[in-house]
Every structure is written in structure tokens, then in C-alpha cells.
C-alpha atoms as a PDB file:
ATOM      1  CA  UNK A   1     138.184  86.800  35.572  1.00  0.00           C
ATOM      2  CA  UNK A   2     137.228  85.438  38.987  1.00  0.00           C
ATOM      3  CA  UNK A   3     140.552  86.226  40.763  1.00  0.00           C
ATOM      4  CA  UNK A   4     142.102  89.691  40.436  1.00  0.00           C
ATOM      5  CA  UNK A   5     144.854  91.674  42.122  1.00  0.00           C
ATOM      6  CA  UNK A   6     144.067  95.200  43.268  1.00  0.00           C
ATOM      7  CA  UNK A   7     146.135  98.369  43.568  1.00  0.00           C
ATOM      8  CA  UNK A   8     145.353 100.567  46.587  1.00  0.00           C
ATOM      9  CA  UNK A   9     144.538 104.209  47.148  1.00  0.00           C
ATOM     10  CA  UNK A  10     146.964 106.039  49.475  1.00  0.00           C
ATOM     11  CA  UNK A  11     146.627 108.593  52.285  1.00  0.00           C
ATOM     12  CA  UNK A  12     149.408 110.905  53.531  1.00  0.00           C
ATOM     13  CA  UNK A  13     148.091 111.815  56.982  1.00  0.00           C
ATOM     14  CA  UNK A  14     150.554 113.674  59.204  1.00  0.00           C
ATOM     15  CA  UNK A  15     151.155 110.744  61.593  1.00  0.00           C
ATOM     16  CA  UNK A  16     152.207 108.318  58.833  1.00  0.00           C
ATOM     17  CA  UNK A  17     155.609 106.785  58.133  1.00  0.00           C
ATOM     18  CA  UNK A  18     157.362 105.211  55.151  1.00  0.00           C
ATOM     19  CA  UNK A  19     157.150 101.470  55.842  1.00  0.00           C
ATOM     20  CA  UNK A  20     154.380 100.850  53.325  1.00  0.00           C
ATOM     21  CA  UNK A  21     156.722 102.140  50.637  1.00  0.00           C
ATOM     22  CA  UNK A  22     160.013 100.833  52.086  1.00  0.00           C
ATOM     23  CA  UNK A  23     158.977  97.408  53.446  1.00  0.00           C
ATOM     24  CA  UNK A  24     155.850  96.622  51.436  1.00  0.00           C
ATOM     25  CA  UNK A  25     157.129  98.163  48.174  1.00  0.00           C
ATOM     26  CA  UNK A  26     154.035 100.272  47.634  1.00  0.00           C
ATOM     27  CA  UNK A  27     154.390 102.584  44.651  1.00  0.00           C
ATOM     28  CA  UNK A  28     153.546 105.971  46.106  1.00  0.00           C
ATOM     29  CA  UNK A  29     155.218 109.369  45.810  1.00  0.00           C
ATOM     30  CA  UNK A  30     153.906 110.793  49.073  1.00  0.00           C
ATOM     31  CA  UNK A  31     156.569 111.698  51.644  1.00  0.00           C
ATOM     32  CA  UNK A  32     154.427 109.976  54.281  1.00  0.00           C
ATOM     33  CA  UNK A  33     152.368 106.926  53.383  1.00  0.00           C
ATOM     34  CA  UNK A  34     150.027 106.648  56.336  1.00  0.00           C
ATOM     35  CA  UNK A  35     147.455 104.278  54.820  1.00  0.00           C
ATOM     36  CA  UNK A  36     146.908 102.110  51.784  1.00  0.00           C
ATOM     37  CA  UNK A  37     143.244 101.310  51.083  1.00  0.00           C
ATOM     38  CA  UNK A  38     143.662  97.782  49.754  1.00  0.00           C
ATOM     39  CA  UNK A  39     140.021  96.796  49.246  1.00  0.00           C
ATOM     40  CA  UNK A  40     137.862  99.850  48.771  1.00  0.00           C
ATOM     41  CA  UNK A  41     134.855 101.101  46.861  1.00  0.00           C
ATOM     42  CA  UNK A  42     134.726 104.276  48.967  1.00  0.00           C
ATOM     43  CA  UNK A  43     134.439 107.640  47.247  1.00  0.00           C
ATOM     44  CA  UNK A  44     137.418 108.935  49.246  1.00  0.00           C
ATOM     45  CA  UNK A  45     139.792 106.308  47.815  1.00  0.00           C
ATOM     46  CA  UNK A  46     139.053 103.446  45.443  1.00  0.00           C
ATOM     47  CA  UNK A  47     141.020 100.266  44.772  1.00  0.00           C
ATOM     48  CA  UNK A  48     141.862  99.673  41.097  1.00  0.00           C
ATOM     49  CA  UNK A  49     142.000  96.365  39.218  1.00  0.00           C
ATOM     50  CA  UNK A  50     145.658  95.572  38.384  1.00  0.00           C
ATOM     51  CA  UNK A  51     145.315  92.316  36.414  1.00  0.00           C
ATOM     52  CA  UNK A  52     143.272  90.773  33.617  1.00  0.00           C
ATOM     53  CA  UNK A  53     140.959  92.223  31.014  1.00  0.00           C
ATOM     54  CA  UNK A  54     139.455  94.698  33.488  1.00  0.00           C
ATOM     55  CA  UNK A  55     142.792  96.257  34.437  1.00  0.00           C
ATOM     56  CA  UNK A  56     142.361  99.961  35.161  1.00  0.00           C
ATOM     57  CA  UNK A  57     138.765  99.783  36.369  1.00  0.00           C
ATOM     58  CA  UNK A  58     138.034 100.804  39.925  1.00  0.00           C
ATOM     59  CA  UNK A  59     136.658  97.997  42.066  1.00  0.00           C
ATOM     60  CA  UNK A  60     133.263  99.726  41.997  1.00  0.00           C
ATOM     61  CA  UNK A  61     133.355  99.844  38.188  1.00  0.00           C
ATOM     62  CA  UNK A  62     134.352  96.173  38.107  1.00  0.00           C
ATOM     63  CA  UNK A  63     131.336  95.278  40.258  1.00  0.00           C
ATOM     64  CA  UNK A  64     129.033  97.415  38.093  1.00  0.00           C
ATOM     65  CA  UNK A  65     130.329  95.665  34.969  1.00  0.00           C
ATOM     66  CA  UNK A  66     130.015  92.106  36.242  1.00  0.00           C
ATOM     67  CA  UNK A  67     127.044  92.509  38.554  1.00  0.00           C
ATOM     68  CA  UNK A  68     126.536  92.218  42.304  1.00  0.00           C
ATOM     69  CA  UNK A  69     126.646  88.436  42.062  1.00  0.00           C
ATOM     70  CA  UNK A  70     130.457  88.755  42.276  1.00  0.00           C
ATOM     71  CA  UNK A  71     129.951  89.891  45.894  1.00  0.00           C
ATOM     72  CA  UNK A  72     127.775  86.938  46.907  1.00  0.00           C
ATOM     73  CA  UNK A  73     124.310  86.524  48.340  1.00  0.00           C
ATOM     74  CA  UNK A  74     125.377  87.450  51.875  1.00  0.00           C
ATOM     75  CA  UNK A  75     126.133  90.979  50.659  1.00  0.00           C
ATOM     76  CA  UNK A  76     122.534  91.448  49.548  1.00  0.00           C
ATOM     77  CA  UNK A  77     121.623  92.903  52.953  1.00  0.00           C
ATOM     78  CA  UNK A  78     123.940  95.896  52.353  1.00  0.00           C
ATOM     79  CA  UNK A  79     123.013  98.843  50.155  1.00  0.00           C
ATOM     80  CA  UNK A  80     126.652  99.508  49.277  1.00  0.00           C
ATOM     81  CA  UNK A  81     129.926  97.549  49.278  1.00  0.00           C
ATOM     82  CA  UNK A  82     130.144  96.508  52.945  1.00  0.00           C
ATOM     83  CA  UNK A  83     133.811  96.739  53.971  1.00  0.00           C
ATOM     84  CA  UNK A  84     137.064  98.631  53.585  1.00  0.00           C
ATOM     85  CA  UNK A  85     140.476  97.014  54.223  1.00  0.00           C
ATOM     86  CA  UNK A  86     143.605  99.051  54.942  1.00  0.00           C
ATOM     87  CA  UNK A  87     147.229  98.828  55.906  1.00  0.00           C
ATOM     88  CA  UNK A  88     148.088 101.551  58.423  1.00  0.00           C
ATOM     89  CA  UNK A  89     151.620 102.714  59.318  1.00  0.00           C
ATOM     90  CA  UNK A  90     151.560 104.834  62.464  1.00  0.00           C
ATOM     91  CA  UNK A  91     154.969 106.476  62.891  1.00  0.00           C
ATOM     92  CA  UNK A  92     153.326 108.858  65.360  1.00  0.00           C
ATOM     93  CA  UNK A  93     150.255 108.583  67.589  1.00  0.00           C
ATOM     94  CA  UNK A  94     146.879 108.848  65.897  1.00  0.00           C
ATOM     95  CA  UNK A  95     144.286 111.158  67.385  1.00  0.00           C
ATOM     96  CA  UNK A  96     142.041 109.856  70.157  1.00  0.00           C
ATOM     97  CA  UNK A  97     138.847 109.144  68.260  1.00  0.00           C
ATOM     98  CA  UNK A  98     135.558 107.307  68.030  1.00  0.00           C
ATOM     99  CA  UNK A  99     133.262 106.095  65.247  1.00  0.00           C
ATOM    100  CA  UNK A 100     129.452 106.256  65.267  1.00  0.00           C
ATOM    101  CA  UNK A 101     127.095 103.327  64.746  1.00  0.00           C
ATOM    102  CA  UNK A 102     124.936 102.948  61.647  1.00  0.00           C
ATOM    103  CA  UNK A 103     121.881 104.750  62.990  1.00  0.00           C
ATOM    104  CA  UNK A 104     123.802 107.862  64.037  1.00  0.00           C
ATOM    105  CA  UNK A 105     126.130 107.911  61.019  1.00  0.00           C
ATOM    106  CA  UNK A 106     123.347 107.546  58.469  1.00  0.00           C
ATOM    107  CA  UNK A 107     121.252 110.207  60.175  1.00  0.00           C
ATOM    108  CA  UNK A 108     124.082 112.714  60.672  1.00  0.00           C
ATOM    109  CA  UNK A 109     126.723 111.873  58.040  1.00  0.00           C
ATOM    110  CA  UNK A 110     124.799 110.057  55.306  1.00  0.00           C
ATOM    111  CA  UNK A 111     126.977 106.930  55.340  1.00  0.00           C
ATOM    112  CA  UNK A 112     127.570 103.756  57.339  1.00  0.00           C
ATOM    113  CA  UNK A 113     128.910 103.813  60.860  1.00  0.00           C
ATOM    114  CA  UNK A 114     132.120 101.986  61.598  1.00  0.00           C
ATOM    115  CA  UNK A 115     132.847  98.816  63.498  1.00  0.00           C
ATOM    116  CA  UNK A 116     136.370  97.621  62.789  1.00  0.00           C
ATOM    117  CA  UNK A 117     139.142  95.250  63.837  1.00  0.00           C
ATOM    118  CA  UNK A 118     142.908  95.590  63.963  1.00  0.00           C
ATOM    119  CA  UNK A 119     145.515  92.915  63.369  1.00  0.00           C
ATOM    120  CA  UNK A 120     148.986  94.015  64.516  1.00  0.00           C
ATOM    121  CA  UNK A 121     151.304  93.199  61.613  1.00  0.00           C
ATOM    122  CA  UNK A 122     154.383  94.635  63.323  1.00  0.00           C
ATOM    123  CA  UNK A 123     155.262  97.033  66.123  1.00  0.00           C
ATOM    124  CA  UNK A 124     158.164  98.615  67.941  1.00  0.00           C
ATOM    125  CA  UNK A 125     159.132  97.217  71.308  1.00  0.00           C
ATOM    126  CA  UNK A 126     157.041  98.852  74.007  1.00  0.00           C
ATOM    127  CA  UNK A 127     154.370 100.123  71.586  1.00  0.00           C
ATOM    128  CA  UNK A 128     150.903 100.762  72.999  1.00  0.00           C
ATOM    129  CA  UNK A 129     147.483 101.715  71.776  1.00  0.00           C
ATOM    130  CA  UNK A 130     144.472 103.314  73.433  1.00  0.00           C
ATOM    131  CA  UNK A 131     141.471 100.986  73.751  1.00  0.00           C
ATOM    132  CA  UNK A 132     138.419 102.147  75.674  1.00  0.00           C
ATOM    133  CA  UNK A 133     138.389 103.285  79.296  1.00  0.00           C
ATOM    134  CA  UNK A 134     139.983 101.855  82.441  1.00  0.00           C
ATOM    135  CA  UNK A 135     136.552 101.904  84.100  1.00  0.00           C
ATOM    136  CA  UNK A 136     133.095 103.314  83.509  1.00  0.00           C
ATOM    137  CA  UNK A 137     132.755 107.087  83.713  1.00  0.00           C
ATOM    138  CA  UNK A 138     129.765 109.408  83.580  1.00  0.00           C
ATOM    139  CA  UNK A 139     128.852 111.736  80.719  1.00  0.00           C
ATOM    140  CA  UNK A 140     129.571 114.639  83.043  1.00  0.00           C
ATOM    141  CA  UNK A 141     133.079 113.386  83.846  1.00  0.00           C
ATOM    142  CA  UNK A 142     133.727 112.715  80.143  1.00  0.00           C
ATOM    143  CA  UNK A 143     132.769 116.267  79.224  1.00  0.00           C
ATOM    144  CA  UNK A 144     134.793 117.751  82.099  1.00  0.00           C
ATOM    145  CA  UNK A 145     137.934 115.738  81.253  1.00  0.00           C
ATOM    146  CA  UNK A 146     137.721 116.783  77.607  1.00  0.00           C
ATOM    147  CA  UNK A 147     137.394 120.397  78.732  1.00  0.00           C
ATOM    148  CA  UNK A 148     140.312 120.338  81.202  1.00  0.00           C
ATOM    149  CA  UNK A 149     142.562 118.106  79.086  1.00  0.00           C
ATOM    150  CA  UNK A 150     142.719 115.137  81.485  1.00  0.00           C
ATOM    151  CA  UNK A 151     140.933 112.530  79.327  1.00  0.00           C
ATOM    152  CA  UNK A 152     144.046 110.366  78.966  1.00  0.00           C
ATOM    153  CA  UNK A 153     144.079 109.789  82.735  1.00  0.00           C
ATOM    154  CA  UNK A 154     141.068 107.451  82.437  1.00  0.00           C
ATOM    155  CA  UNK A 155     141.650 105.807  79.048  1.00  0.00           C
ATOM    156  CA  UNK A 156     143.139 102.318  78.806  1.00  0.00           C
ATOM    157  CA  UNK A 157     146.579 102.023  77.220  1.00  0.00           C
ATOM    158  CA  UNK A 158     147.332  98.467  76.093  1.00  0.00           C
ATOM    159  CA  UNK A 159     150.807  97.084  75.211  1.00  0.00           C
ATOM    160  CA  UNK A 160     150.789  95.438  71.782  1.00  0.00           C
ATOM    161  CA  UNK A 161     152.719  92.620  70.130  1.00  0.00           C
ATOM    162  CA  UNK A 162     152.821  91.142  66.646  1.00  0.00           C
ATOM    163  CA  UNK A 163     149.695  89.118  65.950  1.00  0.00           C
ATOM    164  CA  UNK A 164     147.495  90.862  68.520  1.00  0.00           C
ATOM    165  CA  UNK A 165     143.866  91.436  67.562  1.00  0.00           C
ATOM    166  CA  UNK A 166     141.565  94.248  68.693  1.00  0.00           C
ATOM    167  CA  UNK A 167     137.853  94.297  67.897  1.00  0.00           C
ATOM    168  CA  UNK A 168     136.515  97.853  67.984  1.00  0.00           C
ATOM    169  CA  UNK A 169     132.756  98.199  68.027  1.00  0.00           C
ATOM    170  CA  UNK A 170     131.239 101.490  66.964  1.00  0.00           C
ATOM    171  CA  UNK A 171     131.320 103.803  69.978  1.00  0.00           C
ATOM    172  CA  UNK A 172     134.622 102.472  71.358  1.00  0.00           C
ATOM    173  CA  UNK A 173     137.184 105.182  72.111  1.00  0.00           C
ATOM    174  CA  UNK A 174     140.534 104.252  70.516  1.00  0.00           C
ATOM    175  CA  UNK A 175     143.844 105.422  69.076  1.00  0.00           C
ATOM    176  CA  UNK A 176     146.668 103.578  67.336  1.00  0.00           C
ATOM    177  CA  UNK A 177     149.957 104.381  69.048  1.00  0.00           C
ATOM    178  CA  UNK A 178     153.233 105.260  67.385  1.00  0.00           C
ATOM    179  CA  UNK A 179     155.421 102.478  66.078  1.00  0.00           C
ATOM    180  CA  UNK A 180     152.544 100.160  65.101  1.00  0.00           C
ATOM    181  CA  UNK A 181     151.721  98.752  61.664  1.00  0.00           C
ATOM    182  CA  UNK A 182     148.186  97.429  61.422  1.00  0.00           C
ATOM    183  CA  UNK A 183     145.861  95.648  59.012  1.00  0.00           C
ATOM    184  CA  UNK A 184     142.418  97.138  59.528  1.00  0.00           C
ATOM    185  CA  UNK A 185     139.172  95.534  58.415  1.00  0.00           C
ATOM    186  CA  UNK A 186     136.233  97.884  58.843  1.00  0.00           C
ATOM    187  CA  UNK A 187     132.805  98.852  57.646  1.00  0.00           C
ATOM    188  CA  UNK A 188     132.826 100.886  54.458  1.00  0.00           C
ATOM    189  CA  UNK A 189     132.917 104.287  56.145  1.00  0.00           C
ATOM    190  CA  UNK A 190     135.276 107.223  56.527  1.00  0.00           C
ATOM    191  CA  UNK A 191     133.514 108.909  59.451  1.00  0.00           C
ATOM    192  CA  UNK A 192     135.820 109.613  62.397  1.00  0.00           C
ATOM    193  CA  UNK A 193     135.226 111.938  65.348  1.00  0.00           C
ATOM    194  CA  UNK A 194     138.440 113.293  66.894  1.00  0.00           C
ATOM    195  CA  UNK A 195     138.378 114.112  70.578  1.00  0.00           C
ATOM    196  CA  UNK A 196     142.055 114.823  71.299  1.00  0.00           C
ATOM    197  CA  UNK A 197     144.958 115.396  68.900  1.00  0.00           C
ATOM    198  CA  UNK A 198     148.007 116.317  71.018  1.00  0.00           C
ATOM    199  CA  UNK A 199     147.753 119.946  69.882  1.00  0.00           C
ATOM    200  CA  UNK A 200     148.979 119.118  66.374  1.00  0.00           C
ATOM    201  CA  UNK A 201     148.443 121.355  63.353  1.00  0.00           C
ATOM    202  CA  UNK A 202     147.569 120.306  59.823  1.00  0.00           C
ATOM    203  CA  UNK A 203     149.210 121.239  56.537  1.00  0.00           C
ATOM    204  CA  UNK A 204     147.524 124.642  56.722  1.00  0.00           C
ATOM    205  CA  UNK A 205     149.252 125.395  60.019  1.00  0.00           C
ATOM    206  CA  UNK A 206     145.985 125.356  61.954  1.00  0.00           C
ATOM    207  CA  UNK A 207     144.951 122.877  64.670  1.00  0.00           C
ATOM    208  CA  UNK A 208     143.187 119.866  63.175  1.00  0.00           C
ATOM    209  CA  UNK A 209     139.429 119.842  63.561  1.00  0.00           C
ATOM    210  CA  UNK A 210     137.943 118.186  66.623  1.00  0.00           C
ATOM    211  CA  UNK A 211     134.406 116.815  66.831  1.00  0.00           C
ATOM    212  CA  UNK A 212     133.673 117.062  70.551  1.00  0.00           C
ATOM    213  CA  UNK A 213     129.876 117.232  70.505  1.00  0.00           C
ATOM    214  CA  UNK A 214     129.434 114.333  68.085  1.00  0.00           C
ATOM    215  CA  UNK A 215     131.975 112.260  70.016  1.00  0.00           C
ATOM    216  CA  UNK A 216     130.063 112.872  73.228  1.00  0.00           C
ATOM    217  CA  UNK A 217     126.906 111.680  71.482  1.00  0.00           C
ATOM    218  CA  UNK A 218     128.319 108.298  70.452  1.00  0.00           C
ATOM    219  CA  UNK A 219     131.129 107.251  72.832  1.00  0.00           C
ATOM    220  CA  UNK A 220     130.579 104.249  75.115  1.00  0.00           C
ATOM    221  CA  UNK A 221     131.970 105.363  78.471  1.00  0.00           C
ATOM    222  CA  UNK A 222     133.241 101.966  79.574  1.00  0.00           C
ATOM    223  CA  UNK A 223     136.079  99.473  79.024  1.00  0.00           C
ATOM    224  CA  UNK A 224     136.307  98.096  75.488  1.00  0.00           C
ATOM    225  CA  UNK A 225     134.525  94.855  74.718  1.00  0.00           C
ATOM    226  CA  UNK A 226     137.096  92.065  74.421  1.00  0.00           C
ATOM    227  CA  UNK A 227     136.638  89.658  71.509  1.00  0.00           C
ATOM    228  CA  UNK A 228     137.318  86.054  72.607  1.00  0.00           C
ATOM    229  CA  UNK A 229     140.527  84.416  71.412  1.00  0.00           C
ATOM    230  CA  UNK A 230     140.128  81.273  69.324  1.00  0.00           C
ATOM    231  CA  UNK A 231     142.625  78.451  68.672  1.00  0.00           C
ATOM    232  CA  UNK A 232     144.267  77.944  65.290  1.00  0.00           C
ATOM    233  CA  UNK A 233     142.943  75.122  63.120  1.00  0.00           C
ATOM    234  CA  UNK A 234     145.160  72.865  61.022  1.00  0.00           C
ATOM    235  CA  UNK A 235     144.176  72.154  57.413  1.00  0.00           C
ATOM    236  CA  UNK A 236     146.013  70.471  54.580  1.00  0.00           C
ATOM    237  CA  UNK A 237     148.652  72.975  53.491  1.00  0.00           C
ATOM    238  CA  UNK A 238     147.746  75.747  55.896  1.00  0.00           C
ATOM    239  CA  UNK A 239     146.571  76.818  59.329  1.00  0.00           C
ATOM    240  CA  UNK A 240     143.723  79.251  59.933  1.00  0.00           C
ATOM    241  CA  UNK A 241     142.782  81.265  62.989  1.00  0.00           C
ATOM    242  CA  UNK A 242     139.534  83.174  63.356  1.00  0.00           C
ATOM    243  CA  UNK A 243     140.279  86.789  64.276  1.00  0.00           C
ATOM    244  CA  UNK A 244     136.779  88.275  64.432  1.00  0.00           C
ATOM    245  CA  UNK A 245     133.287  87.648  63.148  1.00  0.00           C
ATOM    246  CA  UNK A 246     130.418  90.116  63.172  1.00  0.00           C
ATOM    247  CA  UNK A 247     127.497  91.241  61.036  1.00  0.00           C
ATOM    248  CA  UNK A 248     129.831  93.170  58.730  1.00  0.00           C
ATOM    249  CA  UNK A 249     132.810  90.845  58.199  1.00  0.00           C
ATOM    250  CA  UNK A 250     134.467  87.582  59.198  1.00  0.00           C
ATOM    251  CA  UNK A 251     138.269  87.562  59.224  1.00  0.00           C
ATOM    252  CA  UNK A 252     140.947  84.883  59.562  1.00  0.00           C
ATOM    253  CA  UNK A 253     144.732  84.854  59.483  1.00  0.00           C
ATOM    254  CA  UNK A 254     146.118  82.085  57.271  1.00  0.00           C
ATOM    255  CA  UNK A 255     149.640  80.646  57.312  1.00  0.00           C
ATOM    256  CA  UNK A 256     150.108  78.805  54.032  1.00  0.00           C
ATOM    257  CA  UNK A 257     152.981  76.398  53.466  1.00  0.00           C
ATOM    258  CA  UNK A 258     153.167  75.012  49.963  1.00  0.00           C
ATOM    259  CA  UNK A 259     149.637  74.620  48.645  1.00  0.00           C
ATOM    260  CA  UNK A 260     146.195  75.351  50.077  1.00  0.00           C
ATOM    261  CA  UNK A 261     142.715  74.745  48.728  1.00  0.00           C
ATOM    262  CA  UNK A 262     140.374  77.639  49.568  1.00  0.00           C
ATOM    263  CA  UNK A 263     136.826  78.316  48.413  1.00  0.00           C
ATOM    264  CA  UNK A 264     134.716  81.314  47.448  1.00  0.00           C
ATOM    265  CA  UNK A 265     131.191  79.951  47.134  1.00  0.00           C
ATOM    266  CA  UNK A 266     128.130  81.853  46.014  1.00  0.00           C
ATOM    267  CA  UNK A 267     127.580  83.337  49.462  1.00  0.00           C
ATOM    268  CA  UNK A 268     130.592  85.671  49.590  1.00  0.00           C
ATOM    269  CA  UNK A 269     133.696  86.936  47.854  1.00  0.00           C
ATOM    270  CA  UNK A 270     137.106  86.281  49.435  1.00  0.00           C
ATOM    271  CA  UNK A 271     139.650  89.013  50.115  1.00  0.00           C
ATOM    272  CA  UNK A 272     143.279  87.987  50.679  1.00  0.00           C
ATOM    273  CA  UNK A 273     145.675  90.603  52.055  1.00  0.00           C
ATOM    274  CA  UNK A 274     149.219  89.235  51.873  1.00  0.00           C
ATOM    275  CA  UNK A 275     151.246  90.191  54.965  1.00  0.00           C
ATOM    276  CA  UNK A 276     154.334  88.049  54.345  1.00  0.00           C
ATOM    277  CA  UNK A 277     155.750  85.891  51.564  1.00  0.00           C
ATOM    278  CA  UNK A 278     154.725  85.403  47.959  1.00  0.00           C
ATOM    279  CA  UNK A 279     152.926  82.943  45.710  1.00  0.00           C
ATOM    280  CA  UNK A 280     149.939  82.573  43.408  1.00  0.00           C
ATOM    281  CA  UNK A 281     146.165  82.539  43.850  1.00  0.00           C
ATOM    282  CA  UNK A 282     144.886  80.649  40.846  1.00  0.00           C
ATOM    283  CA  UNK A 283     146.879  82.193  37.985  1.00  0.00           C
ATOM    284  CA  UNK A 284     147.440  85.533  39.739  1.00  0.00           C
ATOM    285  CA  UNK A 285     150.870  86.146  41.246  1.00  0.00           C
ATOM    286  CA  UNK A 286     151.189  87.981  44.539  1.00  0.00           C
ATOM    287  CA  UNK A 287     153.863  89.255  46.928  1.00  0.00           C
ATOM    288  CA  UNK A 288     153.980  90.840  50.367  1.00  0.00           C
ATOM    289  CA  UNK A 289     151.513  93.705  50.582  1.00  0.00           C
ATOM    290  CA  UNK A 290     149.290  92.634  47.695  1.00  0.00           C
ATOM    291  CA  UNK A 291     145.503  92.501  47.827  1.00  0.00           C
ATOM    292  CA  UNK A 292     143.660  89.701  46.030  1.00  0.00           C
ATOM    293  CA  UNK A 293     139.919  89.726  45.322  1.00  0.00           C
ATOM    294  CA  UNK A 294     138.227  86.403  44.597  1.00  0.00           C
ATOM    295  CA  UNK A 295     134.693  86.757  43.278  1.00  0.00           C
ATOM    296  CA  UNK A 296     131.789  84.886  44.845  1.00  0.00           C
ATOM    297  CA  UNK A 297     130.993  81.741  42.905  1.00  0.00           C
ATOM    298  CA  UNK A 298     134.613  81.101  41.922  1.00  0.00           C
ATOM    299  CA  UNK A 299     134.420  77.863  43.896  1.00  0.00           C
ATOM    300  CA  UNK A 300     137.551  76.084  45.029  1.00  0.00           C
ATOM    301  CA  UNK A 301     140.836  77.777  44.152  1.00  0.00           C
ATOM    302  CA  UNK A 302     144.454  77.001  44.950  1.00  0.00           C
ATOM    303  CA  UNK A 303     146.916  79.264  46.719  1.00  0.00           C
ATOM    304  CA  UNK A 304     150.510  78.180  46.224  1.00  0.00           C
ATOM    305  CA  UNK A 305     153.485  79.588  48.086  1.00  0.00           C
ATOM    306  CA  UNK A 306     154.679  80.299  51.588  1.00  0.00           C
ATOM    307  CA  UNK A 307     152.826  83.261  52.988  1.00  0.00           C
ATOM    308  CA  UNK A 308     150.728  84.794  55.739  1.00  0.00           C
ATOM    309  CA  UNK A 309     147.447  86.350  54.648  1.00  0.00           C
ATOM    310  CA  UNK A 310     144.347  87.950  56.098  1.00  0.00           C
ATOM    311  CA  UNK A 311     141.239  86.280  54.654  1.00  0.00           C
ATOM    312  CA  UNK A 312     138.037  88.301  54.861  1.00  0.00           C
ATOM    313  CA  UNK A 313     134.538  87.367  53.754  1.00  0.00           C
ATOM    314  CA  UNK A 314     130.927  88.211  54.574  1.00  0.00           C
ATOM    315  CA  UNK A 315     129.042  85.580  56.582  1.00  0.00           C
ATOM    316  CA  UNK A 316     125.292  85.102  56.888  1.00  0.00           C
ATOM    317  CA  UNK A 317     123.721  86.888  59.851  1.00  0.00           C
END
């Protein structure tokens, strides 16, 4: 079945809220639903096929059954499934953190590094996030500010609004602020180095682990690299706007009104994360919050309905 709907894995991190359950109708019994991993083959949380004859298989099992051709030829350069897509509900501030690049992560952690992008689905008025530094600093100043608890004096806090996009290369210091709901498209990695965590304690009552030395190894001590904004393009039945394109993923936001012809050729699968509205992709029904996986080689397919969706695929690099 070339088009399937997926069910996510959930995470109940201490900073999470309840909007994924309350607003997006996610079926989860956690008190806090911090993240839903909507497209994932990661060992720490796998998506599960929710429709068709393969219902109940994890996405990884589905790929094993049908072969890597369902991912497309552009995925051939990756040893493992290349990306992970999440919805993130930050009721409280996330820790100040950084992700390593591939070379460091594979050498030290045994998995991919993490470059990622954020699309702000919704946010409270006045919400901010931390995004790189205000100006370049030295390694010595970085170490000293971590030690004396003044790091936040030199980091860049950015006001956010619905529809904002942030491209976060590996090595970029960052933190999602409270009151922000984000769609995150990232490399298939779960490696995060915390530098500062507001003195919080975990479920065991102990301060959460920090990773100061590793963070010092990988953090770029400069302002974050801004990804250029691109204009929206009008197509028959929908508009599309490029959000980010890199070696690991290419992502668009689509606003569909009525009927749209999309295509998943042999080069890459399509992932559709539905942020608003409802409709059908081929014969598969979807609603707000659903994740649709369209196998490579499906060809042209029709999305009917009125909805906003994040479209992700893997381009040739």
C-alpha cells in the first residue's frame, strides 16, 4: 500500500504540556505529552503503521518487508533511515543544549549527529527561544560563563510567531522556550548535550545530567546561521513555501484548498504532517496531527481537503 498513516511514539519529558493530547487528539496516557515522534525508525521510539494490510508493523519493519526502494534512490547515501519528525509541546523552557555533527556523533555516540529545523505551529504571546550567541565568544569565555552561571548573558533570545522557521545546524546552541509548539524535522538521532537546565531535577529527584565537556567540544561560539526566507509559490489547489533544504531533508509548508496533485517519484518518499484541517491522501483519511507516509515510486497522488501540512522529502545532494 503506497500511502499509509502512522501512529507516533510519545515522550513525557518534564517540560512538556498537554496540547498534543488536548488540541491534536493524540491518544496518550502520559500526564505530560512533551513530544510525539511522528515519523521515526529510531530505537528510542518507533512510528507504527496505522492503516492497510501492514497495520501494526513499526515503520522500520514496514521498510524491511517492502524493501528500501520505498524510501527512494536519494536515501541510498544513508546507512539508516535519514530523518525523524516530531511535534514538540514546550509548556516550560527546554534545557540549553547543542547537537554534534556526524563525525563527532559517530565517533563518540555511535549514531548520526543532528541538524534540524523548527516550524512554529503555535506560540503564546511574547514567547521566545534561544538561538545561538549574540556575538562571537572565545572557548575560554564559554567555559568561564558555564562555570559561573552567566551563559545566558551572551546567548541570543529571539521572539517567535506562528509560522516562523529556524534552521539549526549541528553545533548551534539552542533551546525552545516555554509556550511554543513546534514541528521539528531533524536527522535521525537522539543525541543531545545539555549545558544548562535551570537547576531542575528529574523524576528521581536528582539534577538532570549535563554534558559540559562534550558541549564544549562541539558548540559553534557565534551567532546562529540564518536560513534565507523564500516566497510562497502558487499551484493549482495549493500554495507551497520552501522552509529549508539541506543534505538531510527538504521541507515545505503546504496550504491545500480543495484538491492538490502531489508526487512521490522514485527519488524520495513524501512525509505529510498535518498541522490543521482534514482530508484524504489517496484513499487514506487524515485529520489535524496525523502523519502520512507516501512511498517512493507512488507517482502522482491526490490530496483532498482544506489543510496545512509539512511536506518533507530527501533531495539529491
